[in-house]
PDB file of N, CA and C in Angstrom:
ATOM      1  N   UNK A   1     103.877 107.059 124.750  1.00  0.00           N
ATOM      2  CA  UNK A   1     104.357 106.122 123.696  1.00  0.00           C
ATOM      3  C   UNK A   1     104.176 104.699 124.267  1.00  0.00           C
ATOM      4  N   UNK A   2     103.226 103.892 123.633  1.00  0.00           N
ATOM      5  CA  UNK A   2     103.137 102.459 123.931  1.00  0.00           C
ATOM      6  C   UNK A   2     103.084 102.298 125.500  1.00  0.00           C
ATOM      7  N   UNK A   3     102.174 102.801 126.199  1.00  0.00           N
ATOM      8  CA  UNK A   3     102.214 102.842 127.658  1.00  0.00           C
ATOM      9  C   UNK A   3     102.222 101.398 128.345  1.00  0.00           C
ATOM     10  N   UNK A   4     101.512 100.427 127.712  1.00  0.00           N
ATOM     11  CA  UNK A   4     101.625  99.141 128.335  1.00  0.00           C
ATOM     12  C   UNK A   4     102.934  98.517 128.289  1.00  0.00           C
ATOM     13  N   UNK A   5     103.701  98.689 127.183  1.00  0.00           N
ATOM     14  CA  UNK A   5     105.055  98.138 127.042  1.00  0.00           C
ATOM     15  C   UNK A   5     105.899  98.907 127.936  1.00  0.00           C
ATOM     16  N   UNK A   6     105.847 100.254 128.016  1.00  0.00           N
ATOM     17  CA  UNK A   6     106.624 101.140 128.956  1.00  0.00           C
ATOM     18  C   UNK A   6     106.499 100.753 130.315  1.00  0.00           C
ATOM     19  N   UNK A   7     105.309 100.379 130.741  1.00  0.00           N
ATOM     20  CA  UNK A   7     105.075 100.081 132.163  1.00  0.00           C
ATOM     21  C   UNK A   7     105.855  98.793 132.550  1.00  0.00           C
ATOM     22  N   UNK A   8     105.872  97.884 131.596  1.00  0.00           N
ATOM     23  CA  UNK A   8     106.683  96.593 131.863  1.00  0.00           C
ATOM     24  C   UNK A   8     108.128  96.967 131.877  1.00  0.00           C
ATOM     25  N   UNK A   9     108.641  97.790 130.982  1.00  0.00           N
ATOM     26  CA  UNK A   9     110.062  98.216 131.039  1.00  0.00           C
ATOM     27  C   UNK A   9     110.377  98.858 132.428  1.00  0.00           C
ATOM     28  N   UNK A  10     109.456  99.830 132.841  1.00  0.00           N
ATOM     29  CA  UNK A  10     109.688 100.594 134.144  1.00  0.00           C
ATOM     30  C   UNK A  10     109.907  99.566 135.281  1.00  0.00           C
ATOM     31  N   UNK A  11     109.187  98.371 135.258  1.00  0.00           N
ATOM     32  CA  UNK A  11     109.239  97.386 136.297  1.00  0.00           C
ATOM     33  C   UNK A  11     110.635  96.698 136.362  1.00  0.00           C
ATOM     34  N   UNK A  12     111.189  96.447 135.265  1.00  0.00           N
ATOM     35  CA  UNK A  12     112.335  95.576 135.189  1.00  0.00           C
ATOM     36  C   UNK A  12     113.602  96.157 134.694  1.00  0.00           C
ATOM     37  N   UNK A  13     113.610  97.395 134.069  1.00  0.00           N
ATOM     38  CA  UNK A  13     114.793  97.892 133.427  1.00  0.00           C
ATOM     39  C   UNK A  13     115.219  99.201 134.002  1.00  0.00           C
ATOM     40  N   UNK A  14     116.434  99.342 134.283  1.00  0.00           N
ATOM     41  CA  UNK A  14     117.067 100.620 134.787  1.00  0.00           C
ATOM     42  C   UNK A  14     117.553 101.397 133.595  1.00  0.00           C
ATOM     43  N   UNK A  15     117.019 102.648 133.333  1.00  0.00           N
ATOM     44  CA  UNK A  15     117.414 103.353 132.182  1.00  0.00           C
ATOM     45  C   UNK A  15     118.996 103.495 132.085  1.00  0.00           C
ATOM     46  N   UNK A  16     119.599 103.542 133.248  1.00  0.00           N
ATOM     47  CA  UNK A  16     121.114 103.692 133.160  1.00  0.00           C
ATOM     48  C   UNK A  16     121.766 102.556 132.470  1.00  0.00           C
ATOM     49  N   UNK A  17     121.109 101.397 132.247  1.00  0.00           N
ATOM     50  CA  UNK A  17     121.764 100.233 131.525  1.00  0.00           C
ATOM     51  C   UNK A  17     120.987  99.916 130.254  1.00  0.00           C
ATOM     52  N   UNK A  18     120.233 100.904 129.850  1.00  0.00           N
ATOM     53  CA  UNK A  18     119.407 100.778 128.571  1.00  0.00           C
ATOM     54  C   UNK A  18     120.106 101.271 127.283  1.00  0.00           C
ATOM     55  N   UNK A  19     119.329 101.479 126.257  1.00  0.00           N
ATOM     56  CA  UNK A  19     119.732 101.766 124.956  1.00  0.00           C
ATOM     57  C   UNK A  19     119.757 103.316 124.891  1.00  0.00           C
ATOM     58  N   UNK A  20     120.781 103.959 124.435  1.00  0.00           N
ATOM     59  CA  UNK A  20     120.818 105.383 124.096  1.00  0.00           C
ATOM     60  C   UNK A  20     120.722 106.283 125.275  1.00  0.00           C
ATOM     61  N   UNK A  21     119.648 106.973 125.415  1.00  0.00           N
ATOM     62  CA  UNK A  21     119.508 108.015 126.538  1.00  0.00           C
ATOM     63  C   UNK A  21     119.316 107.324 127.841  1.00  0.00           C
ATOM     64  N   UNK A  22     120.126 107.711 128.752  1.00  0.00           N
ATOM     65  CA  UNK A  22     120.326 107.040 130.034  1.00  0.00           C
ATOM     66  C   UNK A  22     119.238 107.579 131.089  1.00  0.00           C
ATOM     67  N   UNK A  23     118.499 108.555 130.690  1.00  0.00           N
ATOM     68  CA  UNK A  23     117.587 109.138 131.646  1.00  0.00           C
ATOM     69  C   UNK A  23     116.081 108.804 131.321  1.00  0.00           C
ATOM     70  N   UNK A  24     115.816 108.019 130.296  1.00  0.00           N
ATOM     71  CA  UNK A  24     114.432 107.727 129.921  1.00  0.00           C
ATOM     72  C   UNK A  24     114.412 106.196 129.313  1.00  0.00           C
ATOM     73  N   UNK A  25     113.308 105.670 129.338  1.00  0.00           N
ATOM     74  CA  UNK A  25     113.147 104.326 128.680  1.00  0.00           C
ATOM     75  C   UNK A  25     112.466 104.375 127.396  1.00  0.00           C
ATOM     76  N   UNK A  26     112.159 105.638 126.902  1.00  0.00           N
ATOM     77  CA  UNK A  26     111.401 105.703 125.606  1.00  0.00           C
ATOM     78  C   UNK A  26     112.162 105.209 124.523  1.00  0.00           C
ATOM     79  N   UNK A  27     113.512 105.455 124.445  1.00  0.00           N
ATOM     80  CA  UNK A  27     114.196 104.856 123.295  1.00  0.00           C
ATOM     81  C   UNK A  27     114.459 103.359 123.465  1.00  0.00           C
ATOM     82  N   UNK A  28     114.436 102.871 124.660  1.00  0.00           N
ATOM     83  CA  UNK A  28     114.456 101.406 124.887  1.00  0.00           C
ATOM     84  C   UNK A  28     113.200 100.661 124.409  1.00  0.00           C
ATOM     85  N   UNK A  29     112.036 101.308 124.693  1.00  0.00           N
ATOM     86  CA  UNK A  29     110.800 100.778 124.111  1.00  0.00           C
ATOM     87  C   UNK A  29     110.797 100.806 122.680  1.00  0.00           C
ATOM     88  N   UNK A  30     111.213 101.889 122.078  1.00  0.00           N
ATOM     89  CA  UNK A  30     111.144 102.045 120.688  1.00  0.00           C
ATOM     90  C   UNK A  30     112.034 100.957 119.975  1.00  0.00           C
ATOM     91  N   UNK A  31     113.242 100.782 120.522  1.00  0.00           N
ATOM     92  CA  UNK A  31     114.256  99.852 119.967  1.00  0.00           C
ATOM     93  C   UNK A  31     113.695  98.470 120.146  1.00  0.00           C
ATOM     94  N   UNK A  32     113.052  98.157 121.312  1.00  0.00           N
ATOM     95  CA  UNK A  32     112.408  96.855 121.546  1.00  0.00           C
ATOM     96  C   UNK A  32     111.351  96.475 120.422  1.00  0.00           C
ATOM     97  N   UNK A  33     110.534  97.501 120.220  1.00  0.00           N
ATOM     98  CA  UNK A  33     109.417  97.327 119.204  1.00  0.00           C
ATOM     99  C   UNK A  33     110.058  97.110 117.862  1.00  0.00           C
ATOM    100  N   UNK A  34     111.033  97.878 117.487  1.00  0.00           N
ATOM    101  CA  UNK A  34     111.692  97.695 116.140  1.00  0.00           C
ATOM    102  C   UNK A  34     112.324  96.336 116.023  1.00  0.00           C
ATOM    103  N   UNK A  35     113.009  95.884 117.001  1.00  0.00           N
ATOM    104  CA  UNK A  35     113.712  94.661 116.924  1.00  0.00           C
ATOM    105  C   UNK A  35     112.761  93.339 117.088  1.00  0.00           C
ATOM    106  N   UNK A  36     111.740  93.449 117.844  1.00  0.00           N
ATOM    107  CA  UNK A  36     110.962  92.265 118.197  1.00  0.00           C
ATOM    108  C   UNK A  36     109.535  92.249 117.701  1.00  0.00           C
ATOM    109  N   UNK A  37     108.859  93.322 117.462  1.00  0.00           N
ATOM    110  CA  UNK A  37     107.466  93.390 117.148  1.00  0.00           C
ATOM    111  C   UNK A  37     107.247  93.704 115.723  1.00  0.00           C
ATOM    112  N   UNK A  38     107.788  94.702 115.181  1.00  0.00           N
ATOM    113  CA  UNK A  38     107.552  95.182 113.830  1.00  0.00           C
ATOM    114  C   UNK A  38     107.740  93.921 112.751  1.00  0.00           C
ATOM    115  N   UNK A  39     108.683  93.204 113.039  1.00  0.00           N
ATOM    116  CA  UNK A  39     108.977  92.101 111.993  1.00  0.00           C
ATOM    117  C   UNK A  39     107.904  91.147 112.002  1.00  0.00           C
ATOM    118  N   UNK A  40     106.963  91.066 112.935  1.00  0.00           N
ATOM    119  CA  UNK A  40     105.888  90.138 113.022  1.00  0.00           C
ATOM    120  C   UNK A  40     104.680  90.498 112.136  1.00  0.00           C
ATOM    121  N   UNK A  41     104.740  91.784 111.602  1.00  0.00           N
ATOM    122  CA  UNK A  41     103.634  92.345 110.929  1.00  0.00           C
ATOM    123  C   UNK A  41     104.049  92.863 109.532  1.00  0.00           C
ATOM    124  N   UNK A  42     103.072  93.063 108.687  1.00  0.00           N
ATOM    125  CA  UNK A  42     103.382  93.667 107.324  1.00  0.00           C
ATOM    126  C   UNK A  42     102.105  94.572 106.909  1.00  0.00           C
ATOM    127  N   UNK A  43     102.398  95.365 106.017  1.00  0.00           N
ATOM    128  CA  UNK A  43     101.259  96.252 105.456  1.00  0.00           C
ATOM    129  C   UNK A  43     100.547  95.388 104.459  1.00  0.00           C
ATOM    130  N   UNK A  44      99.234  95.122 104.626  1.00  0.00           N
ATOM    131  CA  UNK A  44      98.523  94.241 103.580  1.00  0.00           C
ATOM    132  C   UNK A  44      98.051  95.160 102.430  1.00  0.00           C
ATOM    133  N   UNK A  45      97.461  96.416 102.819  1.00  0.00           N
ATOM    134  CA  UNK A  45      97.015  97.268 101.694  1.00  0.00           C
ATOM    135  C   UNK A  45      96.861  98.703 102.198  1.00  0.00           C
ATOM    136  N   UNK A  46      97.102  99.654 101.276  1.00  0.00           N
ATOM    137  CA  UNK A  46      96.924 101.015 101.558  1.00  0.00           C
ATOM    138  C   UNK A  46      95.723 101.562 100.663  1.00  0.00           C
ATOM    139  N   UNK A  47      94.787 102.175 101.239  1.00  0.00           N
ATOM    140  CA  UNK A  47      93.669 102.828 100.387  1.00  0.00           C
ATOM    141  C   UNK A  47      93.727 104.273 100.612  1.00  0.00           C
ATOM    142  N   UNK A  48      93.715 104.943  99.567  1.00  0.00           N
ATOM    143  CA  UNK A  48      93.805 106.457  99.502  1.00  0.00           C
ATOM    144  C   UNK A  48      92.414 107.013  99.068  1.00  0.00           C
ATOM    145  N   UNK A  49      91.788 107.713  99.939  1.00  0.00           N
ATOM    146  CA  UNK A  49      90.496 108.329  99.740  1.00  0.00           C
ATOM    147  C   UNK A  49      90.770 109.833  99.423  1.00  0.00           C
ATOM    148  N   UNK A  50      89.946 110.284  98.415  1.00  0.00           N
ATOM    149  CA  UNK A  50      90.088 111.759  98.111  1.00  0.00           C
ATOM    150  C   UNK A  50      88.734 112.204  97.576  1.00  0.00           C
ATOM    151  N   UNK A  51      88.528 113.588  97.751  1.00  0.00           N
ATOM    152  CA  UNK A  51      87.366 114.292  97.223  1.00  0.00           C
ATOM    153  C   UNK A  51      87.930 115.629  96.624  1.00  0.00           C
ATOM    154  N   UNK A  52      87.728 115.650  95.296  1.00  0.00           N
ATOM    155  CA  UNK A  52      88.213 116.887  94.597  1.00  0.00           C
ATOM    156  C   UNK A  52      87.123 117.878  94.514  1.00  0.00           C
ATOM    157  N   UNK A  53      87.428 119.199  94.571  1.00  0.00           N
ATOM    158  CA  UNK A  53      86.502 120.263  94.457  1.00  0.00           C
ATOM    159  C   UNK A  53      87.155 121.424  93.709  1.00  0.00           C
ATOM    160  N   UNK A  54      86.322 122.158  92.879  1.00  0.00           N
ATOM    161  CA  UNK A  54      86.855 123.179  92.174  1.00  0.00           C
ATOM    162  C   UNK A  54      86.825 124.588  92.993  1.00  0.00           C
ATOM    163  N   UNK A  55      86.359 124.442  94.142  1.00  0.00           N
ATOM    164  CA  UNK A  55      86.375 125.735  95.012  1.00  0.00           C
ATOM    165  C   UNK A  55      87.790 126.102  95.407  1.00  0.00           C
ATOM    166  N   UNK A  56      87.981 127.314  95.653  1.00  0.00           N
ATOM    167  CA  UNK A  56      89.396 127.829  95.951  1.00  0.00           C
ATOM    168  C   UNK A  56      89.676 127.817  97.482  1.00  0.00           C
ATOM    169  N   UNK A  57      89.801 126.569  97.973  1.00  0.00           N
ATOM    170  CA  UNK A  57      90.244 126.415  99.348  1.00  0.00           C
ATOM    171  C   UNK A  57      91.456 125.508  99.351  1.00  0.00           C
ATOM    172  N   UNK A  58      92.159 125.527 100.486  1.00  0.00           N
ATOM    173  CA  UNK A  58      93.395 124.706 100.585  1.00  0.00           C
ATOM    174  C   UNK A  58      92.989 123.310 100.671  1.00  0.00           C
ATOM    175  N   UNK A  59      94.039 122.392 100.528  1.00  0.00           N
ATOM    176  CA  UNK A  59      93.829 121.003 100.702  1.00  0.00           C
ATOM    177  C   UNK A  59      93.444 120.681 102.173  1.00  0.00           C
ATOM    178  N   UNK A  60      92.447 119.737 102.343  1.00  0.00           N
ATOM    179  CA  UNK A  60      92.000 119.505 103.749  1.00  0.00           C
ATOM    180  C   UNK A  60      92.384 118.063 104.090  1.00  0.00           C
ATOM    181  N   UNK A  61      93.207 118.013 105.223  1.00  0.00           N
ATOM    182  CA  UNK A  61      93.744 116.826 105.814  1.00  0.00           C
ATOM    183  C   UNK A  61      93.025 116.404 106.982  1.00  0.00           C
ATOM    184  N   UNK A  62      91.960 117.062 107.515  1.00  0.00           N
ATOM    185  CA  UNK A  62      91.248 116.661 108.637  1.00  0.00           C
ATOM    186  C   UNK A  62      90.484 115.404 108.378  1.00  0.00           C
ATOM    187  N   UNK A  63      90.160 115.088 107.082  1.00  0.00           N
ATOM    188  CA  UNK A  63      89.441 113.807 106.803  1.00  0.00           C
ATOM    189  C   UNK A  63      90.294 112.569 106.981  1.00  0.00           C
ATOM    190  N   UNK A  64      91.577 112.845 107.195  1.00  0.00           N
ATOM    191  CA  UNK A  64      92.594 111.690 107.388  1.00  0.00           C
ATOM    192  C   UNK A  64      92.292 110.920 108.798  1.00  0.00           C
ATOM    193  N   UNK A  65      91.599 111.611 109.629  1.00  0.00           N
ATOM    194  CA  UNK A  65      91.326 111.088 110.958  1.00  0.00           C
ATOM    195  C   UNK A  65      89.991 110.239 111.052  1.00  0.00           C
ATOM    196  N   UNK A  66      89.212 110.213 109.939  1.00  0.00           N
ATOM    197  CA  UNK A  66      87.919 109.655 109.840  1.00  0.00           C
ATOM    198  C   UNK A  66      88.050 108.119 109.724  1.00  0.00           C
ATOM    199  N   UNK A  67      86.976 107.370 110.112  1.00  0.00           N
ATOM    200  CA  UNK A  67      86.966 105.976 109.818  1.00  0.00           C
ATOM    201  C   UNK A  67      86.636 105.838 108.341  1.00  0.00           C
ATOM    202  N   UNK A  68      86.768 104.718 107.830  1.00  0.00           N
ATOM    203  CA  UNK A  68      86.437 104.491 106.376  1.00  0.00           C
ATOM    204  C   UNK A  68      85.020 104.797 106.114  1.00  0.00           C
ATOM    205  N   UNK A  69      84.100 104.439 106.939  1.00  0.00           N
ATOM    206  CA  UNK A  69      82.597 104.718 106.654  1.00  0.00           C
ATOM    207  C   UNK A  69      82.411 106.230 106.773  1.00  0.00           C
ATOM    208  N   UNK A  70      83.110 106.899 107.634  1.00  0.00           N
ATOM    209  CA  UNK A  70      82.963 108.353 107.736  1.00  0.00           C
ATOM    210  C   UNK A  70      83.523 109.052 106.495  1.00  0.00           C
ATOM    211  N   UNK A  71      84.529 108.540 106.055  1.00  0.00           N
ATOM    212  CA  UNK A  71      85.160 109.082 104.736  1.00  0.00           C
ATOM    213  C   UNK A  71      84.146 108.931 103.567  1.00  0.00           C
ATOM    214  N   UNK A  72      83.563 107.819 103.460  1.00  0.00           N
ATOM    215  CA  UNK A  72      82.627 107.657 102.368  1.00  0.00           C
ATOM    216  C   UNK A  72      81.345 108.481 102.642  1.00  0.00           C
ATOM    217  N   UNK A  73      80.945 108.613 103.877  1.00  0.00           N
ATOM    218  CA  UNK A  73      79.769 109.442 104.134  1.00  0.00           C
ATOM    219  C   UNK A  73      80.070 110.933 103.924  1.00  0.00           C
ATOM    220  N   UNK A  74      81.315 111.324 103.955  1.00  0.00           N
ATOM    221  CA  UNK A  74      81.767 112.745 103.620  1.00  0.00           C
ATOM    222  C   UNK A  74      82.082 112.892 102.206  1.00  0.00           C
ATOM    223  N   UNK A  75      81.719 111.888 101.273  1.00  0.00           N
ATOM    224  CA  UNK A  75      81.983 112.108  99.906  1.00  0.00           C
ATOM    225  C   UNK A  75      83.260 111.677  99.302  1.00  0.00           C
ATOM    226  N   UNK A  76      84.125 111.155 100.164  1.00  0.00           N
ATOM    227  CA  UNK A  76      85.482 110.697  99.696  1.00  0.00           C
ATOM    228  C   UNK A  76      85.313 109.374  99.048  1.00  0.00           C
ATOM    229  N   UNK A  77      86.040 109.134  97.980  1.00  0.00           N
ATOM    230  CA  UNK A  77      86.087 107.760  97.314  1.00  0.00           C
ATOM    231  C   UNK A  77      87.491 107.217  97.249  1.00  0.00           C
ATOM    232  N   UNK A  78      87.629 105.962  97.133  1.00  0.00           N
ATOM    233  CA  UNK A  78      88.854 105.362  97.019  1.00  0.00           C
ATOM    234  C   UNK A  78      89.491 105.738  95.618  1.00  0.00           C
ATOM    235  N   UNK A  79      90.749 106.204  95.648  1.00  0.00           N
ATOM    236  CA  UNK A  79      91.430 106.688  94.442  1.00  0.00           C
ATOM    237  C   UNK A  79      92.655 105.754  94.303  1.00  0.00           C
ATOM    238  N   UNK A  80      92.678 105.151  93.099  1.00  0.00           N
ATOM    239  CA  UNK A  80      93.740 104.194  92.834  1.00  0.00           C
ATOM    240  C   UNK A  80      94.975 104.733  92.270  1.00  0.00           C
ATOM    241  N   UNK A  81      94.971 105.999  92.130  1.00  0.00           N
ATOM    242  CA  UNK A  81      96.128 106.807  91.465  1.00  0.00           C
ATOM    243  C   UNK A  81      97.142 107.223  92.534  1.00  0.00           C
ATOM    244  N   UNK A  82      97.725 106.166  93.175  1.00  0.00           N
ATOM    245  CA  UNK A  82      98.639 106.238  94.266  1.00  0.00           C
ATOM    246  C   UNK A  82      99.712 105.194  94.074  1.00  0.00           C
ATOM    247  N   UNK A  83     100.921 105.550  94.564  1.00  0.00           N
ATOM    248  CA  UNK A  83     102.009 104.627  94.521  1.00  0.00           C
ATOM    249  C   UNK A  83     102.784 104.723  95.914  1.00  0.00           C
ATOM    250  N   UNK A  84     103.402 103.580  96.289  1.00  0.00           N
ATOM    251  CA  UNK A  84     104.214 103.738  97.488  1.00  0.00           C
ATOM    252  C   UNK A  84     105.553 103.219  97.298  1.00  0.00           C
ATOM    253  N   UNK A  85     106.513 103.739  98.030  1.00  0.00           N
ATOM    254  CA  UNK A  85     107.961 103.346  97.915  1.00  0.00           C
ATOM    255  C   UNK A  85     108.502 103.142  99.339  1.00  0.00           C
ATOM    256  N   UNK A  86     109.149 102.115  99.573  1.00  0.00           N
ATOM    257  CA  UNK A  86     109.816 101.871 100.900  1.00  0.00           C
ATOM    258  C   UNK A  86     111.050 102.847 101.032  1.00  0.00           C
ATOM    259  N   UNK A  87     111.162 103.490 102.012  1.00  0.00           N
ATOM    260  CA  UNK A  87     112.268 104.497 102.147  1.00  0.00           C
ATOM    261  C   UNK A  87     113.548 103.831 102.727  1.00  0.00           C
ATOM    262  N   UNK A  88     113.431 102.816 103.520  1.00  0.00           N
ATOM    263  CA  UNK A  88     114.644 102.139 104.083  1.00  0.00           C
ATOM    264  C   UNK A  88     114.305 100.704 104.342  1.00  0.00           C
ATOM    265  N   UNK A  89     115.033 100.074 105.243  1.00  0.00           N
ATOM    266  CA  UNK A  89     114.721  98.721 105.493  1.00  0.00           C
ATOM    267  C   UNK A  89     113.514  98.432 106.345  1.00  0.00           C
ATOM    268  N   UNK A  90     112.883  99.444 106.892  1.00  0.00           N
ATOM    269  CA  UNK A  90     111.707  99.391 107.727  1.00  0.00           C
ATOM    270  C   UNK A  90     110.452  99.352 106.664  1.00  0.00           C
ATOM    271  N   UNK A  91     109.734  98.274 106.630  1.00  0.00           N
ATOM    272  CA  UNK A  91     108.734  98.172 105.638  1.00  0.00           C
ATOM    273  C   UNK A  91     107.516  99.094 105.977  1.00  0.00           C
ATOM    274  N   UNK A  92     107.516  99.727 107.185  1.00  0.00           N
ATOM    275  CA  UNK A  92     106.394 100.613 107.566  1.00  0.00           C
ATOM    276  C   UNK A  92     106.823 102.094 107.244  1.00  0.00           C
ATOM    277  N   UNK A  93     108.070 102.281 106.882  1.00  0.00           N
ATOM    278  CA  UNK A  93     108.473 103.626 106.520  1.00  0.00           C
ATOM    279  C   UNK A  93     108.318 103.847 105.045  1.00  0.00           C
ATOM    280  N   UNK A  94     107.107 104.365 104.620  1.00  0.00           N
ATOM    281  CA  UNK A  94     106.753 104.482 103.245  1.00  0.00           C
ATOM    282  C   UNK A  94     106.600 105.897 102.770  1.00  0.00           C
ATOM    283  N   UNK A  95     106.960 106.099 101.505  1.00  0.00           N
ATOM    284  CA  UNK A  95     106.654 107.379 100.854  1.00  0.00           C
ATOM    285  C   UNK A  95     105.422 107.168  99.968  1.00  0.00           C
ATOM    286  N   UNK A  96     104.337 107.891 100.139  1.00  0.00           N
ATOM    287  CA  UNK A  96     103.152 107.717  99.315  1.00  0.00           C
ATOM    288  C   UNK A  96     103.161 108.777  98.320  1.00  0.00           C
ATOM    289  N   UNK A  97     102.995 108.410  97.032  1.00  0.00           N
ATOM    290  CA  UNK A  97     103.134 109.330  95.910  1.00  0.00           C
ATOM    291  C   UNK A  97     101.693 109.490  95.280  1.00  0.00           C
ATOM    292  N   UNK A  98     101.189 110.717  95.193  1.00  0.00           N
ATOM    293  CA  UNK A  98      99.913 111.066  94.658  1.00  0.00           C
ATOM    294  C   UNK A  98     100.120 112.330  93.816  1.00  0.00           C
ATOM    295  N   UNK A  99      99.703 112.334  92.510  1.00  0.00           N
ATOM    296  CA  UNK A  99      99.875 113.586  91.759  1.00  0.00           C
ATOM    297  C   UNK A  99      98.474 114.216  91.860  1.00  0.00           C
ATOM    298  N   UNK A 100      98.509 115.398  92.514  1.00  0.00           N
ATOM    299  CA  UNK A 100      97.386 116.243  92.697  1.00  0.00           C
ATOM    300  C   UNK A 100      96.798 116.827  91.396  1.00  0.00           C
ATOM    301  N   UNK A 101      95.602 116.853  91.047  1.00  0.00           N
ATOM    302  CA  UNK A 101      95.006 117.464  89.848  1.00  0.00           C
ATOM    303  C   UNK A 101      95.071 118.958  89.970  1.00  0.00           C
ATOM    304  N   UNK A 102      95.623 119.592  88.979  1.00  0.00           N
ATOM    305  CA  UNK A 102      95.712 121.106  88.991  1.00  0.00           C
ATOM    306  C   UNK A 102      94.369 121.619  88.938  1.00  0.00           C
ATOM    307  N   UNK A 103      94.125 122.802  89.600  1.00  0.00           N
ATOM    308  CA  UNK A 103      92.789 123.538  89.544  1.00  0.00           C
ATOM    309  C   UNK A 103      91.847 122.948  90.519  1.00  0.00           C
ATOM    310  N   UNK A 104      92.256 121.979  91.319  1.00  0.00           N
ATOM    311  CA  UNK A 104      91.295 121.447  92.346  1.00  0.00           C
ATOM    312  C   UNK A 104      91.842 121.526  93.733  1.00  0.00           C
ATOM    313  N   UNK A 105      90.946 121.728  94.664  1.00  0.00           N
ATOM    314  CA  UNK A 105      91.198 121.575  96.116  1.00  0.00           C
ATOM    315  C   UNK A 105      90.818 120.131  96.457  1.00  0.00           C
ATOM    316  N   UNK A 106      91.460 119.570  97.398  1.00  0.00           N
ATOM    317  CA  UNK A 106      91.136 118.142  97.742  1.00  0.00           C
ATOM    318  C   UNK A 106      91.222 117.911  99.221  1.00  0.00           C
ATOM    319  N   UNK A 107      90.250 116.949  99.603  1.00  0.00           N
ATOM    320  CA  UNK A 107      90.232 116.388 100.912  1.00  0.00           C
ATOM    321  C   UNK A 107      90.821 115.010 100.791  1.00  0.00           C
ATOM    322  N   UNK A 108      91.695 114.583 101.774  1.00  0.00           N
ATOM    323  CA  UNK A 108      92.443 113.307 101.686  1.00  0.00           C
ATOM    324  C   UNK A 108      92.160 112.476 102.938  1.00  0.00           C
ATOM    325  N   UNK A 109      92.328 111.201 102.818  1.00  0.00           N
ATOM    326  CA  UNK A 109      92.158 110.266 103.839  1.00  0.00           C
ATOM    327  C   UNK A 109      92.883 108.968 103.484  1.00  0.00           C
ATOM    328  N   UNK A 110      93.538 108.348 104.397  1.00  0.00           N
ATOM    329  CA  UNK A 110      94.249 107.022 104.123  1.00  0.00           C
ATOM    330  C   UNK A 110      93.696 105.975 105.047  1.00  0.00           C
ATOM    331  N   UNK A 111      93.770 104.762 104.580  1.00  0.00           N
ATOM    332  CA  UNK A 111      93.423 103.596 105.421  1.00  0.00           C
ATOM    333  C   UNK A 111      94.519 102.610 105.151  1.00  0.00           C
ATOM    334  N   UNK A 112      95.238 102.220 106.239  1.00  0.00           N
ATOM    335  CA  UNK A 112      96.257 101.247 106.161  1.00  0.00           C
ATOM    336  C   UNK A 112      95.936  99.966 106.892  1.00  0.00           C
ATOM    337  N   UNK A 113      95.961  98.807 106.274  1.00  0.00           N
ATOM    338  CA  UNK A 113      95.646  97.586 106.894  1.00  0.00           C
ATOM    339  C   UNK A 113      96.898  96.783 107.138  1.00  0.00           C
ATOM    340  N   UNK A 114      97.087  96.515 108.417  1.00  0.00           N
ATOM    341  CA  UNK A 114      98.315  95.830 108.863  1.00  0.00           C
ATOM    342  C   UNK A 114      97.911  94.494 109.313  1.00  0.00           C
ATOM    343  N   UNK A 115      98.583  93.462 108.874  1.00  0.00           N
ATOM    344  CA  UNK A 115      98.279  92.060 109.271  1.00  0.00           C
ATOM    345  C   UNK A 115      99.560  91.301 109.772  1.00  0.00           C
ATOM    346  N   UNK A 116      99.351  90.245 110.567  1.00  0.00           N
ATOM    347  CA  UNK A 116     100.419  89.397 111.067  1.00  0.00           C
ATOM    348  C   UNK A 116     100.881  88.566 109.947  1.00  0.00           C
ATOM    349  N   UNK A 117     102.283  88.508 109.816  1.00  0.00           N
ATOM    350  CA  UNK A 117     102.903  87.677 108.710  1.00  0.00           C
ATOM    351  C   UNK A 117     102.604  86.300 108.990  1.00  0.00           C
TER     352      UNK A 117
END
């Protein structure tokens, strides 16, 4: 988890005096990021890529790991039929809402653009 930040924490912080779990610095790093780094960024846009097929296969999520160019090369297109809702006070904790078409199997992929505020 965030190795470069954790390395700095390991140099200067004793887990016994940290946040939460006294045996690890993982929770300290996570809390530091929440309190000091996340507020510097915001989600600029979310693009949802999909490819519908009438074949009787399950939905495919492996396309989620592709780059945008690879998604397009694999036949996925940007689908504007998506909504998002913030789940709590963290603007990165989103619920994405998409109504899958009945009778279709689909491949999915997301692209999230994060920018500095």
